[in-house]
Amino acid sequence: MPVRSLTQSLLRWPEPEQVLRQVHDWARRRTTEHPGLQRVGVFGSYGRGDAGVGSDLDLLLIDDHAQGSQYHRLLSWPLAELPLSCDALVLTTAEHNDLLAEHGAMAAALRSDCRWLWQRLV
């Protein structure tokens, strides 16, 4: 979300690197409550590196314990803690691999734009 500058009355959009650092830290804090979390990445403008004022966050969560519909999967993630509004996709590793093997637009976008910010150490 835009933040108010301490020295001005204007709103200031967070810098992309600041947003990515905050997403990384958010992901690291989720590991206890989500032991199946394997990787967290961004795609879209933040993945491509061309995010600017007004860009939202497209988040990809690889959680091997994910079950149910996307709606139900998203309910357990505190997305409101992220620095910007976001669209999130929660997939298992197998679902992610299956999606990448497809020839659709979403698969192409994830193959070209995904930038991994956090990964569980084995």
PDB file of N, CA and C in Angstrom:
ATOM      1  N   MET A   1       0.833  -1.167   0.000  1.00  0.00           N
ATOM      2  CA  MET A   1       0.000   0.000   0.000  1.00  0.00           C
ATOM      3  C   MET A   1       0.885   1.239   0.000  1.00  0.00           C
ATOM      4  N   PRO A   2       0.395   2.318  -0.566  1.00  0.00           N
ATOM      5  CA  PRO A   2       1.176   3.538  -0.499  1.00  0.00           C
ATOM      6  C   PRO A   2       1.327   3.968   0.957  1.00  0.00           C
ATOM      7  N   VAL A   3       2.440   4.551   1.283  1.00  0.00           N
ATOM      8  CA  VAL A   3       2.691   4.995   2.652  1.00  0.00           C
ATOM      9  C   VAL A   3       2.899   6.499   2.669  1.00  0.00           C
ATOM     10  N   ARG A   4       2.464   7.127   3.753  1.00  0.00           N
ATOM     11  CA  ARG A   4       2.611   8.561   3.887  1.00  0.00           C
ATOM     12  C   ARG A   4       4.054   8.871   4.284  1.00  0.00           C
ATOM     13  N   SER A   5       4.635   9.813   3.572  1.00  0.00           N
ATOM     14  CA  SER A   5       5.976  10.256   3.898  1.00  0.00           C
ATOM     15  C   SER A   5       5.930  10.999   5.230  1.00  0.00           C
ATOM     16  N   LEU A   6       6.945  10.841   6.054  1.00  0.00           N
ATOM     17  CA  LEU A   6       6.968  11.520   7.345  1.00  0.00           C
ATOM     18  C   LEU A   6       7.202  13.016   7.207  1.00  0.00           C
ATOM     19  N   THR A   7       7.779  13.457   6.109  1.00  0.00           N
ATOM     20  CA  THR A   7       8.099  14.870   5.946  1.00  0.00           C
ATOM     21  C   THR A   7       7.160  15.584   4.978  1.00  0.00           C
ATOM     22  N   GLN A   8       6.263  14.871   4.359  1.00  0.00           N
ATOM     23  CA  GLN A   8       5.352  15.479   3.399  1.00  0.00           C
ATOM     24  C   GLN A   8       3.959  14.917   3.602  1.00  0.00           C
ATOM     25  N   SER A   9       2.967  15.606   3.067  1.00  0.00           N
ATOM     26  CA  SER A   9       1.606  15.115   3.156  1.00  0.00           C
ATOM     27  C   SER A   9       1.248  14.253   1.946  1.00  0.00           C
ATOM     28  N   LEU A  10       2.199  14.015   1.059  1.00  0.00           N
ATOM     29  CA  LEU A  10       1.961  13.220  -0.135  1.00  0.00           C
ATOM     30  C   LEU A  10       2.118  11.735   0.158  1.00  0.00           C
ATOM     31  N   LEU A  11       1.384  10.912  -0.601  1.00  0.00           N
ATOM     32  CA  LEU A  11       1.572   9.473  -0.497  1.00  0.00           C
ATOM     33  C   LEU A  11       2.711   9.054  -1.403  1.00  0.00           C
ATOM     34  N   ARG A  12       3.467   8.065  -0.960  1.00  0.00           N
ATOM     35  CA  ARG A  12       4.629   7.587  -1.711  1.00  0.00           C
ATOM     36  C   ARG A  12       4.466   6.090  -1.916  1.00  0.00           C
ATOM     37  N   TRP A  13       4.595   5.638  -3.159  1.00  0.00           N
ATOM     38  CA  TRP A  13       4.496   4.208  -3.458  1.00  0.00           C
ATOM     39  C   TRP A  13       5.811   3.543  -3.061  1.00  0.00           C
ATOM     40  N   PRO A  14       5.769   2.352  -2.443  1.00  0.00           N
ATOM     41  CA  PRO A  14       7.030   1.710  -2.025  1.00  0.00           C
ATOM     42  C   PRO A  14       7.884   1.306  -3.235  1.00  0.00           C
ATOM     43  N   GLU A  15       9.171   1.390  -3.070  1.00  0.00           N
ATOM     44  CA  GLU A  15      10.109   0.988  -4.117  1.00  0.00           C
ATOM     45  C   GLU A  15      10.016  -0.530  -4.324  1.00  0.00           C
ATOM     46  N   PRO A  16      10.170  -0.994  -5.572  1.00  0.00           N
ATOM     47  CA  PRO A  16      10.056  -2.434  -5.843  1.00  0.00           C
ATOM     48  C   PRO A  16      10.962  -3.308  -4.980  1.00  0.00           C
ATOM     49  N   GLU A  17      12.201  -2.918  -4.772  1.00  0.00           N
ATOM     50  CA  GLU A  17      13.106  -3.747  -3.963  1.00  0.00           C
ATOM     51  C   GLU A  17      12.649  -3.827  -2.511  1.00  0.00           C
ATOM     52  N   GLN A  18      12.055  -2.757  -2.014  1.00  0.00           N
ATOM     53  CA  GLN A  18      11.501  -2.761  -0.661  1.00  0.00           C
ATOM     54  C   GLN A  18      10.334  -3.748  -0.583  1.00  0.00           C
ATOM     55  N   VAL A  19       9.469  -3.738  -1.585  1.00  0.00           N
ATOM     56  CA  VAL A  19       8.336  -4.666  -1.631  1.00  0.00           C
ATOM     57  C   VAL A  19       8.842  -6.106  -1.654  1.00  0.00           C
ATOM     58  N   LEU A  20       9.830  -6.391  -2.494  1.00  0.00           N
ATOM     59  CA  LEU A  20      10.353  -7.756  -2.613  1.00  0.00           C
ATOM     60  C   LEU A  20      11.006  -8.222  -1.311  1.00  0.00           C
ATOM     61  N   ARG A  21      11.704  -7.333  -0.625  1.00  0.00           N
ATOM     62  CA  ARG A  21      12.292  -7.677   0.685  1.00  0.00           C
ATOM     63  C   ARG A  21      11.192  -8.011   1.689  1.00  0.00           C
ATOM     64  N   GLN A  22      10.124  -7.231   1.673  1.00  0.00           N
ATOM     65  CA  GLN A  22       9.027  -7.464   2.608  1.00  0.00           C
ATOM     66  C   GLN A  22       8.314  -8.781   2.306  1.00  0.00           C
ATOM     67  N   VAL A  23       8.173  -9.121   1.036  1.00  0.00           N
ATOM     68  CA  VAL A  23       7.567 -10.402   0.671  1.00  0.00           C
ATOM     69  C   VAL A  23       8.461 -11.552   1.146  1.00  0.00           C
ATOM     70  N   HIS A  24       9.761 -11.419   0.958  1.00  0.00           N
ATOM     71  CA  HIS A  24      10.700 -12.440   1.434  1.00  0.00           C
ATOM     72  C   HIS A  24      10.558 -12.633   2.939  1.00  0.00           C
ATOM     73  N   ASP A  25      10.547 -11.548   3.689  1.00  0.00           N
ATOM     74  CA  ASP A  25      10.431 -11.640   5.143  1.00  0.00           C
ATOM     75  C   ASP A  25       9.085 -12.236   5.553  1.00  0.00           C
ATOM     76  N   TRP A  26       8.013 -11.850   4.854  1.00  0.00           N
ATOM     77  CA  TRP A  26       6.677 -12.397   5.109  1.00  0.00           C
ATOM     78  C   TRP A  26       6.694 -13.910   4.892  1.00  0.00           C
ATOM     79  N   ALA A  27       7.299 -14.356   3.807  1.00  0.00           N
ATOM     80  CA  ALA A  27       7.371 -15.789   3.494  1.00  0.00           C
ATOM     81  C   ALA A  27       8.142 -16.549   4.579  1.00  0.00           C
ATOM     82  N   ARG A  28       9.248 -16.002   5.005  1.00  0.00           N
ATOM     83  CA  ARG A  28      10.064 -16.645   6.043  1.00  0.00           C
ATOM     84  C   ARG A  28       9.274 -16.817   7.335  1.00  0.00           C
ATOM     85  N   ARG A  29       8.434 -15.827   7.664  1.00  0.00           N
ATOM     86  CA  ARG A  29       7.621 -15.912   8.885  1.00  0.00           C
ATOM     87  C   ARG A  29       6.498 -16.939   8.766  1.00  0.00           C
ATOM     88  N   ARG A  30       6.133 -17.332   7.583  1.00  0.00           N
ATOM     89  CA  ARG A  30       5.032 -18.279   7.380  1.00  0.00           C
ATOM     90  C   ARG A  30       5.457 -19.737   7.541  1.00  0.00           C
ATOM     91  N   THR A  31       6.733 -20.020   7.622  1.00  0.00           N
ATOM     92  CA  THR A  31       7.218 -21.401   7.588  1.00  0.00           C
ATOM     93  C   THR A  31       6.736 -22.252   8.753  1.00  0.00           C
ATOM     94  N   THR A  32       6.529 -21.673   9.917  1.00  0.00           N
ATOM     95  CA  THR A  32       6.068 -22.447  11.071  1.00  0.00           C
ATOM     96  C   THR A  32       4.617 -22.864  10.906  1.00  0.00           C
ATOM     97  N   GLU A  33       3.771 -21.922  10.522  1.00  0.00           N
ATOM     98  CA  GLU A  33       2.343 -22.240  10.388  1.00  0.00           C
ATOM     99  C   GLU A  33       2.015 -22.979   9.096  1.00  0.00           C
ATOM    100  N   HIS A  34       2.932 -22.960   8.132  1.00  0.00           N
ATOM    101  CA  HIS A  34       2.737 -23.658   6.856  1.00  0.00           C
ATOM    102  C   HIS A  34       3.967 -24.530   6.556  1.00  0.00           C
ATOM    103  N   PRO A  35       4.097 -25.675   7.232  1.00  0.00           N
ATOM    104  CA  PRO A  35       5.287 -26.510   7.048  1.00  0.00           C
ATOM    105  C   PRO A  35       5.428 -27.091   5.648  1.00  0.00           C
ATOM    106  N   GLY A  36       4.377 -27.065   4.859  1.00  0.00           N
ATOM    107  CA  GLY A  36       4.459 -27.550   3.479  1.00  0.00           C
ATOM    108  C   GLY A  36       4.950 -26.505   2.487  1.00  0.00           C
ATOM    109  N   LEU A  37       5.161 -25.272   2.975  1.00  0.00           N
ATOM    110  CA  LEU A  37       5.610 -24.204   2.080  1.00  0.00           C
ATOM    111  C   LEU A  37       7.012 -24.515   1.559  1.00  0.00           C
ATOM    112  N   GLN A  38       7.148 -24.555   0.251  1.00  0.00           N
ATOM    113  CA  GLN A  38       8.425 -24.874  -0.381  1.00  0.00           C
ATOM    114  C   GLN A  38       9.092 -23.657  -1.012  1.00  0.00           C
ATOM    115  N   ARG A  39       8.292 -22.833  -1.709  1.00  0.00           N
ATOM    116  CA  ARG A  39       8.850 -21.654  -2.390  1.00  0.00           C
ATOM    117  C   ARG A  39       7.799 -20.554  -2.457  1.00  0.00           C
ATOM    118  N   VAL A  40       8.289 -19.324  -2.517  1.00  0.00           N
ATOM    119  CA  VAL A  40       7.429 -18.162  -2.709  1.00  0.00           C
ATOM    120  C   VAL A  40       8.063 -17.316  -3.798  1.00  0.00           C
ATOM    121  N   GLY A  41       7.249 -16.975  -4.773  1.00  0.00           N
ATOM    122  CA  GLY A  41       7.743 -16.156  -5.870  1.00  0.00           C
ATOM    123  C   GLY A  41       6.730 -15.110  -6.282  1.00  0.00           C
ATOM    124  N   VAL A  42       7.190 -14.202  -7.112  1.00  0.00           N
ATOM    125  CA  VAL A  42       6.315 -13.195  -7.705  1.00  0.00           C
ATOM    126  C   VAL A  42       6.407 -13.344  -9.217  1.00  0.00           C
ATOM    127  N   PHE A  43       5.325 -12.987  -9.884  1.00  0.00           N
ATOM    128  CA  PHE A  43       5.328 -12.959 -11.344  1.00  0.00           C
ATOM    129  C   PHE A  43       4.628 -11.680 -11.762  1.00  0.00           C
ATOM    130  N   GLY A  44       4.378 -11.497 -13.023  1.00  0.00           N
ATOM    131  CA  GLY A  44       3.800 -10.236 -13.478  1.00  0.00           C
ATOM    132  C   GLY A  44       4.849  -9.141 -13.422  1.00  0.00           C
ATOM    133  N   SER A  45       4.420  -7.921 -13.127  1.00  0.00           N
ATOM    134  CA  SER A  45       5.344  -6.782 -13.186  1.00  0.00           C
ATOM    135  C   SER A  45       6.492  -6.900 -12.186  1.00  0.00           C
ATOM    136  N   TYR A  46       6.239  -7.429 -10.994  1.00  0.00           N
ATOM    137  CA  TYR A  46       7.345  -7.588 -10.029  1.00  0.00           C
ATOM    138  C   TYR A  46       8.295  -8.703 -10.448  1.00  0.00           C
ATOM    139  N   GLY A  47       7.801  -9.716 -11.086  1.00  0.00           N
ATOM    140  CA  GLY A  47       8.665 -10.778 -11.587  1.00  0.00           C
ATOM    141  C   GLY A  47       9.503 -10.313 -12.768  1.00  0.00           C
ATOM    142  N   ARG A  48       8.897  -9.513 -13.646  1.00  0.00           N
ATOM    143  CA  ARG A  48       9.618  -9.005 -14.826  1.00  0.00           C
ATOM    144  C   ARG A  48      10.581  -7.880 -14.484  1.00  0.00           C
ATOM    145  N   GLY A  49      10.327  -7.220 -13.350  1.00  0.00           N
ATOM    146  CA  GLY A  49      11.179  -6.100 -12.960  1.00  0.00           C
ATOM    147  C   GLY A  49      10.708  -4.769 -13.503  1.00  0.00           C
ATOM    148  N   ASP A  50       9.460  -4.669 -13.945  1.00  0.00           N
ATOM    149  CA  ASP A  50       8.972  -3.393 -14.467  1.00  0.00           C
ATOM    150  C   ASP A  50       7.810  -2.835 -13.639  1.00  0.00           C
ATOM    151  N   ALA A  51       7.766  -3.183 -12.347  1.00  0.00           N
ATOM    152  CA  ALA A  51       6.716  -2.676 -11.465  1.00  0.00           C
ATOM    153  C   ALA A  51       6.892  -1.182 -11.252  1.00  0.00           C
ATOM    154  N   GLY A  52       5.783  -0.504 -11.104  1.00  0.00           N
ATOM    155  CA  GLY A  52       5.810   0.929 -10.849  1.00  0.00           C
ATOM    156  C   GLY A  52       4.635   1.322  -9.979  1.00  0.00           C
ATOM    157  N   VAL A  53       4.384   2.612  -9.918  1.00  0.00           N
ATOM    158  CA  VAL A  53       3.278   3.128  -9.125  1.00  0.00           C
ATOM    159  C   VAL A  53       1.979   2.476  -9.590  1.00  0.00           C
ATOM    160  N   GLY A  54       1.250   1.921  -8.653  1.00  0.00           N
ATOM    161  CA  GLY A  54      -0.024   1.286  -8.952  1.00  0.00           C
ATOM    162  C   GLY A  54       0.056  -0.204  -9.246  1.00  0.00           C
ATOM    163  N   SER A  55       1.259  -0.746  -9.377  1.00  0.00           N
ATOM    164  CA  SER A  55       1.394  -2.183  -9.639  1.00  0.00           C
ATOM    165  C   SER A  55       0.912  -2.987  -8.441  1.00  0.00           C
ATOM    166  N   ASP A  56       0.193  -4.064  -8.715  1.00  0.00           N
ATOM    167  CA  ASP A  56      -0.172  -4.962  -7.628  1.00  0.00           C
ATOM    168  C   ASP A  56       0.843  -6.087  -7.579  1.00  0.00           C
ATOM    169  N   LEU A  57       0.698  -6.933  -6.606  1.00  0.00           N
ATOM    170  CA  LEU A  57       1.638  -8.026  -6.384  1.00  0.00           C
ATOM    171  C   LEU A  57       0.990  -9.319  -6.851  1.00  0.00           C
ATOM    172  N   ASP A  58       1.627 -10.028  -7.754  1.00  0.00           N
ATOM    173  CA  ASP A  58       1.175 -11.347  -8.199  1.00  0.00           C
ATOM    174  C   ASP A  58       2.071 -12.363  -7.508  1.00  0.00           C
ATOM    175  N   LEU A  59       1.496 -13.104  -6.590  1.00  0.00           N
ATOM    176  CA  LEU A  59       2.252 -13.969  -5.699  1.00  0.00           C
ATOM    177  C   LEU A  59       1.992 -15.434  -6.028  1.00  0.00           C
ATOM    178  N   LEU A  60       3.055 -16.238  -6.037  1.00  0.00           N
ATOM    179  CA  LEU A  60       2.960 -17.671  -6.264  1.00  0.00           C
ATOM    180  C   LEU A  60       3.501 -18.391  -5.034  1.00  0.00           C
ATOM    181  N   LEU A  61       2.641 -19.177  -4.387  1.00  0.00           N
ATOM    182  CA  LEU A  61       3.021 -19.934  -3.197  1.00  0.00           C
ATOM    183  C   LEU A  61       3.006 -21.409  -3.551  1.00  0.00           C
ATOM    184  N   ILE A  62       4.139 -22.083  -3.366  1.00  0.00           N
ATOM    185  CA  ILE A  62       4.220 -23.520  -3.588  1.00  0.00           C
ATOM    186  C   ILE A  62       4.158 -24.174  -2.212  1.00  0.00           C
ATOM    187  N   ASP A  63       2.989 -24.779  -1.926  1.00  0.00           N
ATOM    188  CA  ASP A  63       2.717 -25.364  -0.621  1.00  0.00           C
ATOM    189  C   ASP A  63       2.269 -26.810  -0.833  1.00  0.00           C
ATOM    190  N   ASP A  64       3.120 -27.746  -0.491  1.00  0.00           N
ATOM    191  CA  ASP A  64       2.819 -29.158  -0.725  1.00  0.00           C
ATOM    192  C   ASP A  64       1.709 -29.699   0.164  1.00  0.00           C
ATOM    193  N   HIS A  65       1.234 -28.926   1.134  1.00  0.00           N
ATOM    194  CA  HIS A  65       0.113 -29.349   1.962  1.00  0.00           C
ATOM    195  C   HIS A  65      -1.199 -28.715   1.500  1.00  0.00           C
ATOM    196  N   ALA A  66      -1.169 -27.955   0.419  1.00  0.00           N
ATOM    197  CA  ALA A  66      -2.369 -27.253  -0.069  1.00  0.00           C
ATOM    198  C   ALA A  66      -3.422 -28.259  -0.522  1.00  0.00           C
ATOM    199  N   GLN A  67      -4.665 -27.985  -0.152  1.00  0.00           N
ATOM    200  CA  GLN A  67      -5.797 -28.839  -0.540  1.00  0.00           C
ATOM    201  C   GLN A  67      -7.002 -27.948  -0.797  1.00  0.00           C
ATOM    202  N   GLY A  68      -7.942 -28.473  -1.562  1.00  0.00           N
ATOM    203  CA  GLY A  68      -9.188 -27.759  -1.809  1.00  0.00           C
ATOM    204  C   GLY A  68      -9.057 -26.747  -2.933  1.00  0.00           C
ATOM    205  N   SER A  69     -10.080 -25.927  -3.047  1.00  0.00           N
ATOM    206  CA  SER A  69     -10.115 -24.910  -4.108  1.00  0.00           C
ATOM    207  C   SER A  69      -9.135 -23.777  -3.804  1.00  0.00           C
ATOM    208  N   GLN A  70      -8.834 -22.970  -4.797  1.00  0.00           N
ATOM    209  CA  GLN A  70      -7.968 -21.802  -4.568  1.00  0.00           C
ATOM    210  C   GLN A  70      -8.546 -20.916  -3.477  1.00  0.00           C
ATOM    211  N   TYR A  71      -9.847 -20.712  -3.505  1.00  0.00           N
ATOM    212  CA  TYR A  71     -10.486 -19.879  -2.488  1.00  0.00           C
ATOM    213  C   TYR A  71     -10.174 -20.403  -1.087  1.00  0.00           C
ATOM    214  N   HIS A  72     -10.362 -21.698  -0.866  1.00  0.00           N
ATOM    215  CA  HIS A  72     -10.105 -22.274   0.456  1.00  0.00           C
ATOM    216  C   HIS A  72      -8.615 -22.279   0.801  1.00  0.00           C
ATOM    217  N   ARG A  73      -7.793 -22.466  -0.183  1.00  0.00           N
ATOM    218  CA  ARG A  73      -6.349 -22.425   0.071  1.00  0.00           C
ATOM    219  C   ARG A  73      -5.913 -21.034   0.541  1.00  0.00           C
ATOM    220  N   LEU A  74      -6.462 -20.011  -0.074  1.00  0.00           N
ATOM    221  CA  LEU A  74      -6.059 -18.638   0.240  1.00  0.00           C
ATOM    222  C   LEU A  74      -6.515 -18.185   1.624  1.00  0.00           C
ATOM    223  N   LEU A  75      -7.556 -18.782   2.144  1.00  0.00           N
ATOM    224  CA  LEU A  75      -8.078 -18.371   3.449  1.00  0.00           C
ATOM    225  C   LEU A  75      -7.060 -18.499   4.571  1.00  0.00           C
ATOM    226  N   SER A  76      -6.127 -19.427   4.454  1.00  0.00           N
ATOM    227  CA  SER A  76      -5.162 -19.646   5.536  1.00  0.00           C
ATOM    228  C   SER A  76      -3.909 -18.777   5.422  1.00  0.00           C
ATOM    229  N   TRP A  77      -3.857 -17.924   4.422  1.00  0.00           N
ATOM    230  CA  TRP A  77      -2.677 -17.075   4.216  1.00  0.00           C
ATOM    231  C   TRP A  77      -3.012 -15.631   4.583  1.00  0.00           C
ATOM    232  N   PRO A  78      -2.212 -14.999   5.463  1.00  0.00           N
ATOM    233  CA  PRO A  78      -2.476 -13.614   5.868  1.00  0.00           C
ATOM    234  C   PRO A  78      -1.969 -12.608   4.816  1.00  0.00           C
ATOM    235  N   LEU A  79      -2.646 -12.579   3.687  1.00  0.00           N
ATOM    236  CA  LEU A  79      -2.202 -11.727   2.577  1.00  0.00           C
ATOM    237  C   LEU A  79      -2.293 -10.242   2.896  1.00  0.00           C
ATOM    238  N   ALA A  80      -3.152  -9.870   3.849  1.00  0.00           N
ATOM    239  CA  ALA A  80      -3.287  -8.461   4.226  1.00  0.00           C
ATOM    240  C   ALA A  80      -2.012  -7.915   4.869  1.00  0.00           C
ATOM    241  N   GLU A  81      -1.120  -8.796   5.316  1.00  0.00           N
ATOM    242  CA  GLU A  81       0.151  -8.358   5.909  1.00  0.00           C
ATOM    243  C   GLU A  81       1.161  -7.941   4.854  1.00  0.00           C
ATOM    244  N   LEU A  82       0.900  -8.238   3.594  1.00  0.00           N
ATOM    245  CA  LEU A  82       1.828  -7.895   2.522  1.00  0.00           C
ATOM    246  C   LEU A  82       1.768  -6.389   2.249  1.00  0.00           C
ATOM    247  N   PRO A  83       2.829  -5.813   1.681  1.00  0.00           N
ATOM    248  CA  PRO A  83       2.890  -4.355   1.511  1.00  0.00           C
ATOM    249  C   PRO A  83       1.952  -3.798   0.444  1.00  0.00           C
ATOM    250  N   LEU A  84       1.428  -4.628  -0.443  1.00  0.00           N
ATOM    251  CA  LEU A  84       0.530  -4.179  -1.508  1.00  0.00           C
ATOM    252  C   LEU A  84      -0.630  -5.149  -1.619  1.00  0.00           C
ATOM    253  N   SER A  85      -1.691  -4.717  -2.268  1.00  0.00           N
ATOM    254  CA  SER A  85      -2.750  -5.664  -2.571  1.00  0.00           C
ATOM    255  C   SER A  85      -2.172  -6.704  -3.521  1.00  0.00           C
ATOM    256  N   CYS A  86      -2.668  -7.920  -3.414  1.00  0.00           N
ATOM    257  CA  CYS A  86      -2.068  -8.952  -4.243  1.00  0.00           C
ATOM    258  C   CYS A  86      -3.085  -9.965  -4.729  1.00  0.00           C
ATOM    259  N   ASP A  87      -2.730 -10.576  -5.832  1.00  0.00           N
ATOM    260  CA  ASP A  87      -3.416 -11.747  -6.350  1.00  0.00           C
ATOM    261  C   ASP A  87      -2.465 -12.903  -6.077  1.00  0.00           C
ATOM    262  N   ALA A  88      -2.966 -13.939  -5.430  1.00  0.00           N
ATOM    263  CA  ALA A  88      -2.095 -15.052  -5.067  1.00  0.00           C
ATOM    264  C   ALA A  88      -2.616 -16.350  -5.663  1.00  0.00           C
ATOM    265  N   LEU A  89      -1.681 -17.217  -5.967  1.00  0.00           N
ATOM    266  CA  LEU A  89      -1.964 -18.541  -6.487  1.00  0.00           C
ATOM    267  C   LEU A  89      -1.220 -19.527  -5.593  1.00  0.00           C
ATOM    268  N   VAL A  90      -1.951 -20.490  -5.023  1.00  0.00           N
ATOM    269  CA  VAL A  90      -1.352 -21.491  -4.142  1.00  0.00           C
ATOM    270  C   VAL A  90      -1.408 -22.835  -4.855  1.00  0.00           C
ATOM    271  N   LEU A  91      -0.232 -23.403  -5.122  1.00  0.00           N
ATOM    272  CA  LEU A  91      -0.126 -24.677  -5.832  1.00  0.00           C
ATOM    273  C   LEU A  91       0.788 -25.618  -5.068  1.00  0.00           C
ATOM    274  N   THR A  92       0.558 -26.911  -5.231  1.00  0.00           N
ATOM    275  CA  THR A  92       1.528 -27.883  -4.755  1.00  0.00           C
ATOM    276  C   THR A  92       2.665 -27.939  -5.781  1.00  0.00           C
ATOM    277  N   THR A  93       3.766 -28.580  -5.433  1.00  0.00           N
ATOM    278  CA  THR A  93       4.875 -28.731  -6.380  1.00  0.00           C
ATOM    279  C   THR A  93       4.409 -29.482  -7.623  1.00  0.00           C
ATOM    280  N   ALA A  94       3.632 -30.541  -7.432  1.00  0.00           N
ATOM    281  CA  ALA A  94       3.141 -31.327  -8.575  1.00  0.00           C
ATOM    282  C   ALA A  94       2.232 -30.485  -9.467  1.00  0.00           C
ATOM    283  N   GLU A  95       1.325 -29.703  -8.863  1.00  0.00           N
ATOM    284  CA  GLU A  95       0.440 -28.840  -9.653  1.00  0.00           C
ATOM    285  C   GLU A  95       1.226 -27.786 -10.415  1.00  0.00           C
ATOM    286  N   HIS A  96       2.233 -27.243  -9.772  1.00  0.00           N
ATOM    287  CA  HIS A  96       3.078 -26.243 -10.427  1.00  0.00           C
ATOM    288  C   HIS A  96       3.795 -26.858 -11.628  1.00  0.00           C
ATOM    289  N   ASN A  97       4.370 -28.026 -11.435  1.00  0.00           N
ATOM    290  CA  ASN A  97       5.047 -28.707 -12.547  1.00  0.00           C
ATOM    291  C   ASN A  97       4.081 -29.021 -13.685  1.00  0.00           C
ATOM    292  N   ASP A  98       2.882 -29.474 -13.345  1.00  0.00           N
ATOM    293  CA  ASP A  98       1.870 -29.759 -14.370  1.00  0.00           C
ATOM    294  C   ASP A  98       1.490 -28.488 -15.127  1.00  0.00           C
ATOM    295  N   LEU A  99       1.315 -27.397 -14.400  1.00  0.00           N
ATOM    296  CA  LEU A  99       0.954 -26.136 -15.044  1.00  0.00           C
ATOM    297  C   LEU A  99       2.056 -25.672 -15.994  1.00  0.00           C
ATOM    298  N   LEU A 100       3.302 -25.773 -15.567  1.00  0.00           N
ATOM    299  CA  LEU A 100       4.417 -25.349 -16.416  1.00  0.00           C
ATOM    300  C   LEU A 100       4.538 -26.188 -17.679  1.00  0.00           C
ATOM    301  N   ALA A 101       4.049 -27.410 -17.640  1.00  0.00           N
ATOM    302  CA  ALA A 101       4.104 -28.291 -18.815  1.00  0.00           C
ATOM    303  C   ALA A 101       3.031 -27.942 -19.843  1.00  0.00           C
ATOM    304  N   GLU A 102       2.058 -27.130 -19.452  1.00  0.00           N
ATOM    305  CA  GLU A 102       0.993 -26.743 -20.376  1.00  0.00           C
ATOM    306  C   GLU A 102       1.486 -25.681 -21.355  1.00  0.00           C
ATOM    307  N   HIS A 103       0.647 -25.398 -22.357  1.00  0.00           N
ATOM    308  CA  HIS A 103       1.016 -24.412 -23.379  1.00  0.00           C
ATOM    309  C   HIS A 103       0.181 -23.146 -23.291  1.00  0.00           C
ATOM    310  N   GLY A 104      -0.562 -22.934 -22.205  1.00  0.00           N
ATOM    311  CA  GLY A 104      -1.433 -21.779 -22.065  1.00  0.00           C
ATOM    312  C   GLY A 104      -0.688 -20.515 -21.669  1.00  0.00           C
ATOM    313  N   ALA A 105      -1.445 -19.425 -21.626  1.00  0.00           N
ATOM    314  CA  ALA A 105      -0.891 -18.108 -21.307  1.00  0.00           C
ATOM    315  C   ALA A 105      -0.347 -18.043 -19.882  1.00  0.00           C
ATOM    316  N   MET A 106      -1.062 -18.663 -18.947  1.00  0.00           N
ATOM    317  CA  MET A 106      -0.600 -18.632 -17.556  1.00  0.00           C
ATOM    318  C   MET A 106       0.717 -19.374 -17.409  1.00  0.00           C
ATOM    319  N   ALA A 107       0.834 -20.520 -18.045  1.00  0.00           N
ATOM    320  CA  ALA A 107       2.086 -21.283 -17.987  1.00  0.00           C
ATOM    321  C   ALA A 107       3.223 -20.471 -18.589  1.00  0.00           C
ATOM    322  N   ALA A 108       2.967 -19.827 -19.712  1.00  0.00           N
ATOM    323  CA  ALA A 108       4.001 -19.013 -20.364  1.00  0.00           C
ATOM    324  C   ALA A 108       4.416 -17.851 -19.466  1.00  0.00           C
ATOM    325  N   ALA A 109       3.440 -17.208 -18.821  1.00  0.00           N
ATOM    326  CA  ALA A 109       3.752 -16.089 -17.930  1.00  0.00           C
ATOM    327  C   ALA A 109       4.593 -16.558 -16.743  1.00  0.00           C
ATOM    328  N   LEU A 110       4.233 -17.695 -16.161  1.00  0.00           N
ATOM    329  CA  LEU A 110       5.013 -18.195 -15.023  1.00  0.00           C
ATOM    330  C   LEU A 110       6.417 -18.616 -15.447  1.00  0.00           C
ATOM    331  N   ARG A 111       6.533 -19.238 -16.611  1.00  0.00           N
ATOM    332  CA  ARG A 111       7.865 -19.645 -17.085  1.00  0.00           C
ATOM    333  C   ARG A 111       8.760 -18.435 -17.332  1.00  0.00           C
ATOM    334  N   SER A 112       8.209 -17.363 -17.875  1.00  0.00           N
ATOM    335  CA  SER A 112       9.052 -16.218 -18.241  1.00  0.00           C
ATOM    336  C   SER A 112       9.208 -15.194 -17.123  1.00  0.00           C
ATOM    337  N   ASP A 113       8.189 -15.042 -16.275  1.00  0.00           N
ATOM    338  CA  ASP A 113       8.190 -13.915 -15.335  1.00  0.00           C
ATOM    339  C   ASP A 113       8.489 -14.261 -13.887  1.00  0.00           C
ATOM    340  N   CYS A 114       8.387 -15.524 -13.497  1.00  0.00           N
ATOM    341  CA  CYS A 114       8.484 -15.861 -12.085  1.00  0.00           C
ATOM    342  C   CYS A 114       9.876 -15.566 -11.529  1.00  0.00           C
ATOM    343  N   ARG A 115       9.869 -14.881 -10.403  1.00  0.00           N
ATOM    344  CA  ARG A 115      11.111 -14.580  -9.672  1.00  0.00           C
ATOM    345  C   ARG A 115      10.931 -15.144  -8.269  1.00  0.00           C
ATOM    346  N   TRP A 116      11.741 -16.147  -7.929  1.00  0.00           N
ATOM    347  CA  TRP A 116      11.631 -16.784  -6.612  1.00  0.00           C
ATOM    348  C   TRP A 116      12.289 -15.911  -5.568  1.00  0.00           C
ATOM    349  N   LEU A 117      11.578 -15.623  -4.487  1.00  0.00           N
ATOM    350  CA  LEU A 117      12.087 -14.759  -3.424  1.00  0.00           C
ATOM    351  C   LEU A 117      12.492 -15.525  -2.176  1.00  0.00           C
ATOM    352  N   TRP A 118      11.872 -16.682  -1.980  1.00  0.00           N
ATOM    353  CA  TRP A 118      12.181 -17.494  -0.810  1.00  0.00           C
ATOM    354  C   TRP A 118      12.043 -18.963  -1.210  1.00  0.00           C
ATOM    355  N   GLN A 119      12.931 -19.781  -0.655  1.00  0.00           N
ATOM    356  CA  GLN A 119      12.877 -21.222  -0.914  1.00  0.00           C
ATOM    357  C   GLN A 119      13.305 -21.952   0.345  1.00  0.00           C
ATOM    358  N   ARG A 120      12.566 -23.028   0.676  1.00  0.00           N
ATOM    359  CA  ARG A 120      12.920 -23.836   1.845  1.00  0.00           C
ATOM    360  C   ARG A 120      14.269 -24.511   1.583  1.00  0.00           C
ATOM    361  N   LEU A 121      15.140 -24.435   2.553  1.00  0.00           N
ATOM    362  CA  LEU A 121      16.428 -25.120   2.442  1.00  0.00           C
ATOM    363  C   LEU A 121      16.228 -26.592   2.772  1.00  0.00           C
ATOM    364  N   VAL A 122      16.800 -27.456   1.982  1.00  0.00           N
ATOM    365  CA  VAL A 122      16.635 -28.897   2.191  1.00  0.00           C
ATOM    366  C   VAL A 122      17.663 -29.403   3.157  1.00  0.00           C
TER     367      VAL A 122
END
